[in-house]
Amino acid sequence: MSYDYPELYYRVYPKVIDTVNRHLSSNPAVDSITDEEIESMIDEVYMKMVKECPEIHEDPLERRGRGNRVKSAQRPFFGRGRLVRDLITIILISELLRRHHSRNFWNDPYTYPW
């Protein structure tokens, strides 16, 4: 049984890899990446995705609720942009952890294969 990722993953993943490669070419230490650098990488990938798929940044009218306007105004809004940014963040962090782990795996004599 094979499981395929959604199409969005296949559009986001190469952009994340490209961004990480460019960032790590100037600063190869994965340990020294700051939160601001991660946010800038996420913003960069997000803007590339918006150029490719402009509907990501548009409001899909999900804020309009049925019934009482007060309840719909108090409900948190998670649109397409938020979903894409979360996916970019997950892929970016997993790639940075993968690169950090693979580098430390061979350098650390106390790490055993699982």
C-alpha atoms as a PDB file:
ATOM      1  CA  MET A   1       0.000   0.000   0.000  1.00  0.00           C
ATOM      2  CA  SER A   2       1.531   3.310  -1.033  1.00  0.00           C
ATOM      3  CA  TYR A   3       0.621   6.686   0.410  1.00  0.00           C
ATOM      4  CA  ASP A   4       1.169   9.786  -1.660  1.00  0.00           C
ATOM      5  CA  TYR A   5       1.640  13.224  -0.249  1.00  0.00           C
ATOM      6  CA  PRO A   6      -0.754  15.995  -1.303  1.00  0.00           C
ATOM      7  CA  GLU A   7       0.148  18.012  -4.388  1.00  0.00           C
ATOM      8  CA  LEU A   8       0.919  21.032  -2.215  1.00  0.00           C
ATOM      9  CA  TYR A   9       3.765  19.120  -0.551  1.00  0.00           C
ATOM     10  CA  TYR A  10       5.393  18.459  -3.916  1.00  0.00           C
ATOM     11  CA  ARG A  11       5.239  22.172  -4.717  1.00  0.00           C
ATOM     12  CA  VAL A  12       6.556  23.347  -1.343  1.00  0.00           C
ATOM     13  CA  TYR A  13       9.315  20.781  -0.745  1.00  0.00           C
ATOM     14  CA  PRO A  14      11.685  21.806  -3.597  1.00  0.00           C
ATOM     15  CA  LYS A  15      11.388  25.462  -2.626  1.00  0.00           C
ATOM     16  CA  VAL A  16      12.236  24.662   0.994  1.00  0.00           C
ATOM     17  CA  ILE A  17      15.247  22.559  -0.043  1.00  0.00           C
ATOM     18  CA  ASP A  18      16.488  25.330  -2.341  1.00  0.00           C
ATOM     19  CA  THR A  19      16.126  27.938   0.401  1.00  0.00           C
ATOM     20  CA  VAL A  20      17.890  25.769   2.992  1.00  0.00           C
ATOM     21  CA  ASN A  21      20.724  24.987   0.564  1.00  0.00           C
ATOM     22  CA  ARG A  22      21.241  28.668  -0.203  1.00  0.00           C
ATOM     23  CA  HIS A  23      21.178  29.594   3.467  1.00  0.00           C
ATOM     24  CA  LEU A  24      23.542  26.811   4.514  1.00  0.00           C
ATOM     25  CA  SER A  25      25.990  27.597   1.711  1.00  0.00           C
ATOM     26  CA  SER A  26      26.806  30.906   3.407  1.00  0.00           C
ATOM     27  CA  ASN A  27      26.481  29.560   6.962  1.00  0.00           C
ATOM     28  CA  PRO A  28      27.003  25.772   7.090  1.00  0.00           C
ATOM     29  CA  ALA A  29      26.403  25.409  10.844  1.00  0.00           C
ATOM     30  CA  VAL A  30      22.856  24.174  11.396  1.00  0.00           C
ATOM     31  CA  ASP A  31      23.251  24.751  15.146  1.00  0.00           C
ATOM     32  CA  SER A  32      23.662  28.513  14.792  1.00  0.00           C
ATOM     33  CA  ILE A  33      20.430  29.256  12.894  1.00  0.00           C
ATOM     34  CA  THR A  34      18.357  31.816  14.760  1.00  0.00           C
ATOM     35  CA  ASP A  35      14.586  32.120  14.948  1.00  0.00           C
ATOM     36  CA  GLU A  36      14.739  35.240  12.786  1.00  0.00           C
ATOM     37  CA  GLU A  37      16.606  33.351  10.062  1.00  0.00           C
ATOM     38  CA  ILE A  38      14.030  30.570  10.153  1.00  0.00           C
ATOM     39  CA  GLU A  39      11.211  33.117   9.879  1.00  0.00           C
ATOM     40  CA  SER A  40      12.916  34.790   6.932  1.00  0.00           C
ATOM     41  CA  MET A  41      13.300  31.418   5.192  1.00  0.00           C
ATOM     42  CA  ILE A  42       9.617  30.671   5.805  1.00  0.00           C
ATOM     43  CA  ASP A  43       8.647  34.084   4.429  1.00  0.00           C
ATOM     44  CA  GLU A  44      10.841  33.555   1.368  1.00  0.00           C
ATOM     45  CA  VAL A  45       9.278  30.171   0.565  1.00  0.00           C
ATOM     46  CA  TYR A  46       5.787  31.541   1.240  1.00  0.00           C
ATOM     47  CA  MET A  47       6.307  34.417  -1.190  1.00  0.00           C
ATOM     48  CA  LYS A  48       7.523  31.966  -3.839  1.00  0.00           C
ATOM     49  CA  MET A  49       4.361  29.938  -3.283  1.00  0.00           C
ATOM     50  CA  VAL A  50       2.172  33.046  -3.552  1.00  0.00           C
ATOM     51  CA  LYS A  51       3.821  33.888  -6.893  1.00  0.00           C
ATOM     52  CA  GLU A  52       3.163  30.366  -8.123  1.00  0.00           C
ATOM     53  CA  CYS A  53      -0.342  30.023  -6.656  1.00  0.00           C
ATOM     54  CA  PRO A  54      -1.863  33.472  -5.951  1.00  0.00           C
ATOM     55  CA  GLU A  55      -5.052  31.940  -4.555  1.00  0.00           C
ATOM     56  CA  ILE A  56      -3.119  30.973  -1.418  1.00  0.00           C
ATOM     57  CA  HIS A  57      -2.973  34.584  -0.263  1.00  0.00           C
ATOM     58  CA  GLU A  58      -6.618  35.369  -1.053  1.00  0.00           C
ATOM     59  CA  ASP A  59      -9.321  35.267   1.591  1.00  0.00           C
ATOM     60  CA  PRO A  60     -11.514  32.235   0.850  1.00  0.00           C
ATOM     61  CA  LEU A  61     -14.479  33.850   2.647  1.00  0.00           C
ATOM     62  CA  GLU A  62     -14.147  31.376   5.490  1.00  0.00           C
ATOM     63  CA  ARG A  63     -14.723  34.159   8.028  1.00  0.00           C
ATOM     64  CA  ARG A  64     -18.357  34.445   7.209  1.00  0.00           C
ATOM     65  CA  GLY A  65     -20.248  32.255   9.586  1.00  0.00           C
ATOM     66  CA  ARG A  66     -23.835  31.247   9.738  1.00  0.00           C
ATOM     67  CA  GLY A  67     -26.065  32.987  12.200  1.00  0.00           C
ATOM     68  CA  ASN A  68     -24.792  35.458  14.747  1.00  0.00           C
ATOM     69  CA  ARG A  69     -22.105  37.883  13.552  1.00  0.00           C
ATOM     70  CA  VAL A  70     -20.545  38.157  17.024  1.00  0.00           C
ATOM     71  CA  LYS A  71     -19.799  34.432  17.195  1.00  0.00           C
ATOM     72  CA  SER A  72     -18.319  34.365  13.703  1.00  0.00           C
ATOM     73  CA  ALA A  73     -16.148  37.418  14.481  1.00  0.00           C
ATOM     74  CA  GLN A  74     -14.790  35.750  17.632  1.00  0.00           C
ATOM     75  CA  ARG A  75     -13.987  32.495  15.870  1.00  0.00           C
ATOM     76  CA  PRO A  76     -10.253  32.247  14.990  1.00  0.00           C
ATOM     77  CA  PHE A  77      -9.502  32.410  11.262  1.00  0.00           C
ATOM     78  CA  PHE A  78      -7.184  29.861   9.731  1.00  0.00           C
ATOM     79  CA  GLY A  79      -7.139  30.389   5.985  1.00  0.00           C
ATOM     80  CA  ARG A  80      -5.071  28.960   3.179  1.00  0.00           C
ATOM     81  CA  GLY A  81      -2.101  31.195   3.905  1.00  0.00           C
ATOM     82  CA  ARG A  82      -1.855  29.995   7.485  1.00  0.00           C
ATOM     83  CA  LEU A  83      -2.097  26.373   6.391  1.00  0.00           C
ATOM     84  CA  VAL A  84       0.652  26.813   3.782  1.00  0.00           C
ATOM     85  CA  ARG A  85       2.911  28.645   6.255  1.00  0.00           C
ATOM     86  CA  ASP A  86       2.440  25.824   8.770  1.00  0.00           C
ATOM     87  CA  LEU A  87       3.305  23.225   6.138  1.00  0.00           C
ATOM     88  CA  ILE A  88       6.403  25.207   5.113  1.00  0.00           C
ATOM     89  CA  THR A  89       7.462  25.456   8.765  1.00  0.00           C
ATOM     90  CA  ILE A  90       7.064  21.709   9.336  1.00  0.00           C
ATOM     91  CA  ILE A  91       9.047  20.806   6.210  1.00  0.00           C
ATOM     92  CA  LEU A  92      11.755  23.378   6.959  1.00  0.00           C
ATOM     93  CA  ILE A  93      12.261  22.264  10.555  1.00  0.00           C
ATOM     94  CA  SER A  94      12.263  18.582   9.594  1.00  0.00           C
ATOM     95  CA  GLU A  95      14.895  19.264   6.913  1.00  0.00           C
ATOM     96  CA  LEU A  96      17.086  21.200   9.347  1.00  0.00           C
ATOM     97  CA  LEU A  97      16.775  18.439  11.945  1.00  0.00           C
ATOM     98  CA  ARG A  98      17.559  15.791   9.337  1.00  0.00           C
ATOM     99  CA  ARG A  99      20.701  17.622   8.275  1.00  0.00           C
ATOM    100  CA  HIS A 100      21.740  18.269  11.868  1.00  0.00           C
ATOM    101  CA  HIS A 101      21.199  14.639  12.871  1.00  0.00           C
ATOM    102  CA  SER A 102      22.997  13.156   9.881  1.00  0.00           C
ATOM    103  CA  ARG A 103      26.025  15.371  10.486  1.00  0.00           C
ATOM    104  CA  ASN A 104      26.207  14.641  14.198  1.00  0.00           C
ATOM    105  CA  PHE A 105      25.541  10.935  13.731  1.00  0.00           C
ATOM    106  CA  TRP A 106      28.942  10.272  12.194  1.00  0.00           C
ATOM    107  CA  ASN A 107      30.849  12.703  14.431  1.00  0.00           C
ATOM    108  CA  ASP A 108      29.455  11.482  17.757  1.00  0.00           C
ATOM    109  CA  PRO A 109      31.101   8.234  18.918  1.00  0.00           C
ATOM    110  CA  TYR A 110      28.304   7.626  21.447  1.00  0.00           C
ATOM    111  CA  THR A 111      25.510   7.552  18.874  1.00  0.00           C
ATOM    112  CA  TYR A 112      24.382   4.092  17.891  1.00  0.00           C
ATOM    113  CA  PRO A 113      22.211   3.170  14.926  1.00  0.00           C
ATOM    114  CA  TRP A 114      18.696   2.336  15.974  1.00  0.00           C
END
